[in-house]
């Protein structure tokens, strides 16, 4: 049974028994929704997601591209690869550096360029 997480995203096709899955477990979603690209998914159930955003440079009255990386928990029901575009949502802290969870994978890119 898939739980309603309160956000209109595509539900995963697979099922999982993970406690920290927002769809099949008990992890609540709150706060920010961010989009980014998976840079690394070598750790168990964790991915490093990089996102780009414009940052203002006041001296030159222009913007520069800035990039930040954050760690996100990946439930067993989602399959991700490096280069995949993902949507991550804020949740309670799961470890020292992980406070986000992957809720949707954009399969159009799929990491194949």
N, C-alpha and C. Protein backbone atom coordinates (compact mmCIF):
# COMPACT_ATOMS: atom_id res chain seq x y z
N UNK A 1 0.83 -1.18 0.00
CA UNK A 1 0.00 0.00 0.00
C UNK A 1 0.88 1.25 0.00
N UNK A 2 0.55 2.20 -0.88
CA UNK A 2 1.32 3.43 -1.00
C UNK A 2 0.63 4.52 -0.20
N UNK A 3 1.41 5.19 0.64
CA UNK A 3 0.90 6.25 1.49
C UNK A 3 0.85 7.56 0.72
N UNK A 4 -0.11 8.43 1.01
CA UNK A 4 -0.19 9.75 0.41
C UNK A 4 0.73 10.68 1.18
N UNK A 5 1.76 11.23 0.49
CA UNK A 5 2.73 12.08 1.19
C UNK A 5 2.36 13.55 1.11
N UNK A 6 1.27 13.89 0.43
CA UNK A 6 0.81 15.26 0.38
C UNK A 6 1.43 16.10 -0.73
N UNK A 7 2.22 15.47 -1.59
CA UNK A 7 2.87 16.16 -2.71
C UNK A 7 2.52 15.39 -3.97
N UNK A 8 2.19 16.10 -5.03
CA UNK A 8 1.80 15.41 -6.26
C UNK A 8 3.04 15.00 -7.05
N UNK A 9 3.54 13.81 -6.76
CA UNK A 9 4.68 13.23 -7.46
C UNK A 9 4.28 11.82 -7.91
N UNK A 10 5.01 11.30 -8.86
CA UNK A 10 4.74 9.95 -9.35
C UNK A 10 5.14 8.95 -8.28
N UNK A 11 4.22 8.06 -7.93
CA UNK A 11 4.53 7.06 -6.91
C UNK A 11 5.40 5.97 -7.51
N UNK A 12 6.29 5.38 -6.72
CA UNK A 12 7.18 4.34 -7.25
C UNK A 12 6.41 3.07 -7.60
N UNK A 13 6.90 2.36 -8.62
CA UNK A 13 6.25 1.12 -9.05
C UNK A 13 6.60 -0.04 -8.14
N UNK A 14 7.84 -0.03 -7.63
CA UNK A 14 8.27 -1.10 -6.74
C UNK A 14 7.78 -0.84 -5.32
N UNK A 15 7.79 -1.85 -4.52
CA UNK A 15 7.44 -1.73 -3.11
C UNK A 15 8.68 -1.99 -2.28
N UNK A 16 8.71 -1.45 -1.08
CA UNK A 16 9.86 -1.67 -0.22
C UNK A 16 9.41 -1.76 1.23
N UNK A 17 10.30 -2.23 2.07
CA UNK A 17 10.03 -2.37 3.50
C UNK A 17 10.86 -1.39 4.32
N UNK A 18 11.43 -0.36 3.68
CA UNK A 18 12.31 0.58 4.38
C UNK A 18 11.51 1.43 5.37
N UNK A 19 12.06 1.59 6.56
CA UNK A 19 11.40 2.37 7.60
C UNK A 19 11.39 3.86 7.23
N UNK A 20 12.44 4.31 6.52
CA UNK A 20 12.56 5.73 6.18
C UNK A 20 12.03 6.07 4.79
N UNK A 21 11.19 5.23 4.22
CA UNK A 21 10.58 5.51 2.92
C UNK A 21 9.33 6.37 3.15
N UNK A 22 9.20 7.51 2.46
CA UNK A 22 8.00 8.33 2.66
C UNK A 22 6.74 7.69 2.08
N UNK A 23 6.88 6.77 1.13
CA UNK A 23 5.73 6.13 0.50
C UNK A 23 5.28 4.87 1.23
N UNK A 24 6.22 4.05 1.70
CA UNK A 24 5.89 2.76 2.31
C UNK A 24 6.25 2.68 3.79
N UNK A 25 6.94 3.67 4.31
CA UNK A 25 7.37 3.66 5.70
C UNK A 25 6.64 4.71 6.51
N UNK A 26 7.33 5.25 7.52
CA UNK A 26 6.69 6.19 8.43
C UNK A 26 7.36 7.56 8.43
N UNK A 27 8.21 7.85 7.44
CA UNK A 27 8.95 9.12 7.42
C UNK A 27 8.07 10.26 6.91
N UNK A 28 7.82 11.29 7.72
CA UNK A 28 7.03 12.44 7.24
C UNK A 28 7.89 13.43 6.45
N UNK A 29 7.26 14.09 5.49
CA UNK A 29 7.92 15.10 4.65
C UNK A 29 7.50 16.47 5.16
N UNK A 30 8.45 17.42 5.19
CA UNK A 30 8.14 18.78 5.63
C UNK A 30 9.11 19.73 4.96
N UNK A 31 8.77 20.99 4.90
CA UNK A 31 9.72 22.02 4.48
C UNK A 31 9.98 22.09 2.99
N UNK A 32 11.26 22.16 2.63
CA UNK A 32 11.68 22.49 1.28
C UNK A 32 11.56 21.33 0.30
N UNK A 33 11.30 21.69 -0.95
CA UNK A 33 11.37 20.77 -2.09
C UNK A 33 12.44 21.32 -3.03
N UNK A 34 13.42 20.50 -3.40
CA UNK A 34 14.51 20.95 -4.24
C UNK A 34 14.70 19.98 -5.39
N UNK A 35 15.22 20.50 -6.52
CA UNK A 35 15.55 19.67 -7.67
C UNK A 35 17.06 19.72 -7.87
N UNK A 36 17.62 18.60 -8.29
CA UNK A 36 19.06 18.56 -8.50
C UNK A 36 19.45 17.35 -9.33
N UNK A 37 20.75 17.18 -9.47
CA UNK A 37 21.32 16.09 -10.26
C UNK A 37 22.15 15.20 -9.34
N UNK A 38 22.01 13.90 -9.48
CA UNK A 38 22.76 12.96 -8.66
C UNK A 38 24.22 12.97 -9.12
N UNK A 39 25.12 13.27 -8.19
CA UNK A 39 26.55 13.29 -8.48
C UNK A 39 27.18 11.95 -8.11
N UNK A 40 26.71 11.37 -7.00
CA UNK A 40 27.26 10.10 -6.54
C UNK A 40 26.18 9.32 -5.80
N UNK A 41 26.15 8.02 -6.01
CA UNK A 41 25.25 7.16 -5.25
C UNK A 41 25.98 5.89 -4.81
N UNK A 42 27.22 6.06 -4.38
CA UNK A 42 28.04 4.92 -3.99
C UNK A 42 27.73 4.43 -2.58
N UNK A 43 27.28 5.32 -1.72
CA UNK A 43 26.98 4.91 -0.35
C UNK A 43 25.67 4.13 -0.32
N UNK A 44 25.50 3.34 0.72
CA UNK A 44 24.30 2.52 0.86
C UNK A 44 23.12 3.41 1.22
N UNK A 45 22.09 3.41 0.40
CA UNK A 45 20.85 4.17 0.61
C UNK A 45 21.07 5.68 0.74
N UNK A 46 22.12 6.22 0.12
CA UNK A 46 22.35 7.65 0.16
C UNK A 46 22.89 8.13 -1.19
N UNK A 47 22.51 9.34 -1.57
CA UNK A 47 23.01 9.93 -2.81
C UNK A 47 23.47 11.34 -2.52
N UNK A 48 24.45 11.79 -3.28
CA UNK A 48 24.90 13.18 -3.21
C UNK A 48 24.24 13.91 -4.37
N UNK A 49 23.45 14.94 -4.05
CA UNK A 49 22.69 15.67 -5.06
C UNK A 49 23.26 17.08 -5.16
N UNK A 50 23.63 17.48 -6.39
CA UNK A 50 24.15 18.83 -6.63
C UNK A 50 23.06 19.67 -7.28
N UNK A 51 22.95 20.92 -6.84
CA UNK A 51 21.99 21.82 -7.46
C UNK A 51 22.68 23.13 -7.78
N UNK A 52 22.29 23.71 -8.91
CA UNK A 52 22.85 24.98 -9.36
C UNK A 52 21.85 26.09 -9.16
N UNK A 53 22.33 27.27 -8.76
CA UNK A 53 21.45 28.41 -8.57
C UNK A 53 22.23 29.69 -8.83
N UNK A 54 21.55 30.76 -9.24
CA UNK A 54 22.24 32.03 -9.45
C UNK A 54 22.49 32.74 -8.12
N UNK A 55 23.69 33.33 -7.98
CA UNK A 55 24.03 34.08 -6.77
C UNK A 55 24.42 35.49 -7.18
N UNK A 56 23.90 36.46 -6.49
CA UNK A 56 24.13 37.87 -6.84
C UNK A 56 25.53 38.32 -6.41
N UNK A 57 26.21 39.03 -7.32
CA UNK A 57 27.48 39.67 -7.00
C UNK A 57 27.22 41.17 -7.03
N UNK A 58 27.11 41.76 -5.86
CA UNK A 58 26.70 43.16 -5.74
C UNK A 58 27.65 44.14 -6.39
N UNK A 59 28.94 43.86 -6.32
CA UNK A 59 29.94 44.79 -6.86
C UNK A 59 29.77 45.00 -8.36
N UNK A 60 29.46 43.93 -9.08
CA UNK A 60 29.33 44.00 -10.53
C UNK A 60 27.88 44.04 -11.00
N UNK A 61 26.93 43.96 -10.08
CA UNK A 61 25.50 43.96 -10.41
C UNK A 61 25.17 42.88 -11.44
N UNK A 62 25.73 41.72 -11.20
CA UNK A 62 25.52 40.58 -12.07
C UNK A 62 25.28 39.34 -11.20
N UNK A 63 25.00 38.24 -11.86
CA UNK A 63 24.81 36.97 -11.17
C UNK A 63 25.87 35.98 -11.62
N UNK A 64 26.27 35.11 -10.71
CA UNK A 64 27.17 34.03 -11.06
C UNK A 64 26.50 32.71 -10.72
N UNK A 65 26.89 31.66 -11.42
CA UNK A 65 26.34 30.34 -11.12
C UNK A 65 27.05 29.78 -9.91
N UNK A 66 26.27 29.29 -8.97
CA UNK A 66 26.81 28.69 -7.77
C UNK A 66 26.26 27.27 -7.66
N UNK A 67 27.01 26.41 -7.01
CA UNK A 67 26.61 25.01 -6.91
C UNK A 67 26.76 24.57 -5.46
N UNK A 68 25.80 23.79 -4.98
CA UNK A 68 25.91 23.23 -3.64
C UNK A 68 25.53 21.76 -3.70
N UNK A 69 26.13 20.98 -2.80
CA UNK A 69 25.86 19.56 -2.74
C UNK A 69 25.17 19.25 -1.42
N UNK A 70 24.24 18.32 -1.45
CA UNK A 70 23.62 17.86 -0.21
C UNK A 70 23.38 16.36 -0.30
N UNK A 71 23.32 15.74 0.87
CA UNK A 71 23.10 14.31 0.95
C UNK A 71 21.62 14.04 1.10
N UNK A 72 21.15 12.99 0.44
CA UNK A 72 19.73 12.62 0.50
C UNK A 72 19.61 11.11 0.63
N UNK A 73 18.65 10.68 1.43
CA UNK A 73 18.35 9.26 1.60
C UNK A 73 17.60 8.76 0.38
N UNK A 74 17.95 7.56 -0.09
CA UNK A 74 17.30 6.96 -1.25
C UNK A 74 16.57 5.70 -0.80
N UNK A 75 15.23 5.69 -0.84
CA UNK A 75 14.51 4.46 -0.47
C UNK A 75 14.77 3.33 -1.46
N UNK A 76 14.52 2.09 -1.02
CA UNK A 76 14.77 0.93 -1.87
C UNK A 76 13.85 0.87 -3.08
N UNK A 77 12.69 1.53 -3.01
CA UNK A 77 11.72 1.45 -4.11
C UNK A 77 12.07 2.37 -5.28
N UNK A 78 13.07 3.24 -5.14
CA UNK A 78 13.48 4.13 -6.22
C UNK A 78 14.84 3.70 -6.75
N UNK A 79 14.98 3.63 -8.07
CA UNK A 79 16.25 3.30 -8.71
C UNK A 79 16.85 4.57 -9.29
N UNK A 80 18.03 4.94 -8.83
CA UNK A 80 18.69 6.14 -9.35
C UNK A 80 20.06 5.77 -9.87
N UNK A 81 20.55 6.60 -10.78
CA UNK A 81 21.89 6.46 -11.34
C UNK A 81 22.56 7.82 -11.28
N UNK A 82 23.86 7.82 -11.44
CA UNK A 82 24.57 9.10 -11.50
C UNK A 82 24.13 9.85 -12.74
N UNK A 83 23.84 11.13 -12.58
CA UNK A 83 23.37 11.95 -13.69
C UNK A 83 21.86 12.07 -13.76
N UNK A 84 21.13 11.33 -12.94
CA UNK A 84 19.67 11.41 -12.93
C UNK A 84 19.22 12.72 -12.29
N UNK A 85 18.17 13.30 -12.83
CA UNK A 85 17.54 14.47 -12.21
C UNK A 85 16.54 13.97 -11.19
N UNK A 86 16.63 14.49 -9.97
CA UNK A 86 15.77 14.01 -8.89
C UNK A 86 15.13 15.20 -8.17
N UNK A 87 14.03 14.92 -7.49
CA UNK A 87 13.40 15.86 -6.59
C UNK A 87 13.60 15.33 -5.19
N UNK A 88 14.11 16.21 -4.30
CA UNK A 88 14.32 15.81 -2.92
C UNK A 88 13.47 16.68 -2.02
N UNK A 89 13.05 16.12 -0.90
CA UNK A 89 12.19 16.82 0.04
C UNK A 89 12.84 16.77 1.42
N UNK A 90 12.62 17.83 2.18
CA UNK A 90 13.18 17.89 3.52
C UNK A 90 12.41 16.97 4.46
N UNK A 91 13.14 16.35 5.36
CA UNK A 91 12.54 15.50 6.38
C UNK A 91 13.31 15.72 7.68
N UNK A 92 12.99 14.95 8.69
CA UNK A 92 13.74 15.08 9.93
C UNK A 92 15.16 14.58 9.72
N UNK A 93 16.13 14.99 10.54
CA UNK A 93 17.50 14.50 10.35
C UNK A 93 17.58 12.99 10.53
N UNK A 94 18.12 12.31 9.52
CA UNK A 94 18.27 10.86 9.57
C UNK A 94 19.66 10.47 10.03
N UNK A 95 20.63 11.34 9.82
CA UNK A 95 21.99 11.13 10.31
C UNK A 95 22.64 12.51 10.42
N UNK A 96 23.93 12.54 10.62
CA UNK A 96 24.62 13.82 10.81
C UNK A 96 24.47 14.75 9.61
N UNK A 97 24.52 14.21 8.40
CA UNK A 97 24.48 15.04 7.20
C UNK A 97 23.23 14.86 6.35
N UNK A 98 22.38 13.87 6.66
CA UNK A 98 21.23 13.58 5.81
C UNK A 98 19.95 14.12 6.44
N UNK A 99 19.35 15.12 5.77
CA UNK A 99 18.06 15.68 6.21
C UNK A 99 17.09 15.79 5.04
N UNK A 100 17.38 15.12 3.94
CA UNK A 100 16.53 15.13 2.77
C UNK A 100 16.31 13.71 2.30
N UNK A 101 15.22 13.49 1.57
CA UNK A 101 14.91 12.17 1.02
C UNK A 101 14.49 12.35 -0.43
N UNK A 102 14.92 11.42 -1.30
CA UNK A 102 14.55 11.45 -2.72
C UNK A 102 13.10 10.99 -2.84
N UNK A 103 12.26 11.81 -3.50
CA UNK A 103 10.85 11.43 -3.65
C UNK A 103 10.46 11.18 -5.10
N UNK A 104 11.28 11.65 -6.05
CA UNK A 104 10.93 11.44 -7.46
C UNK A 104 12.19 11.44 -8.31
N UNK A 105 12.19 10.56 -9.31
CA UNK A 105 13.30 10.47 -10.27
C UNK A 105 12.76 10.83 -11.63
N UNK A 106 13.43 11.77 -12.31
CA UNK A 106 13.02 12.18 -13.64
C UNK A 106 13.67 11.22 -14.64
N UNK A 107 12.89 10.34 -15.23
CA UNK A 107 13.42 9.31 -16.11
C UNK A 107 13.72 9.81 -17.51
N UNK A 108 13.36 11.04 -17.83
CA UNK A 108 13.63 11.55 -19.18
C UNK A 108 15.12 11.64 -19.44
N UNK A 109 15.91 12.08 -18.43
CA UNK A 109 17.35 12.19 -18.59
C UNK A 109 18.00 10.84 -18.37
N UNK A 110 17.78 10.24 -17.22
CA UNK A 110 18.25 8.90 -16.94
C UNK A 110 19.75 8.73 -16.88
N UNK A 111 20.51 9.83 -16.91
CA UNK A 111 21.96 9.72 -16.84
C UNK A 111 22.63 9.39 -18.15
N UNK A 112 21.89 9.27 -19.23
CA UNK A 112 22.46 8.94 -20.54
C UNK A 112 22.44 10.16 -21.43
N UNK A 113 23.61 10.71 -21.65
CA UNK A 113 23.70 11.91 -22.51
C UNK A 113 24.34 11.60 -23.82
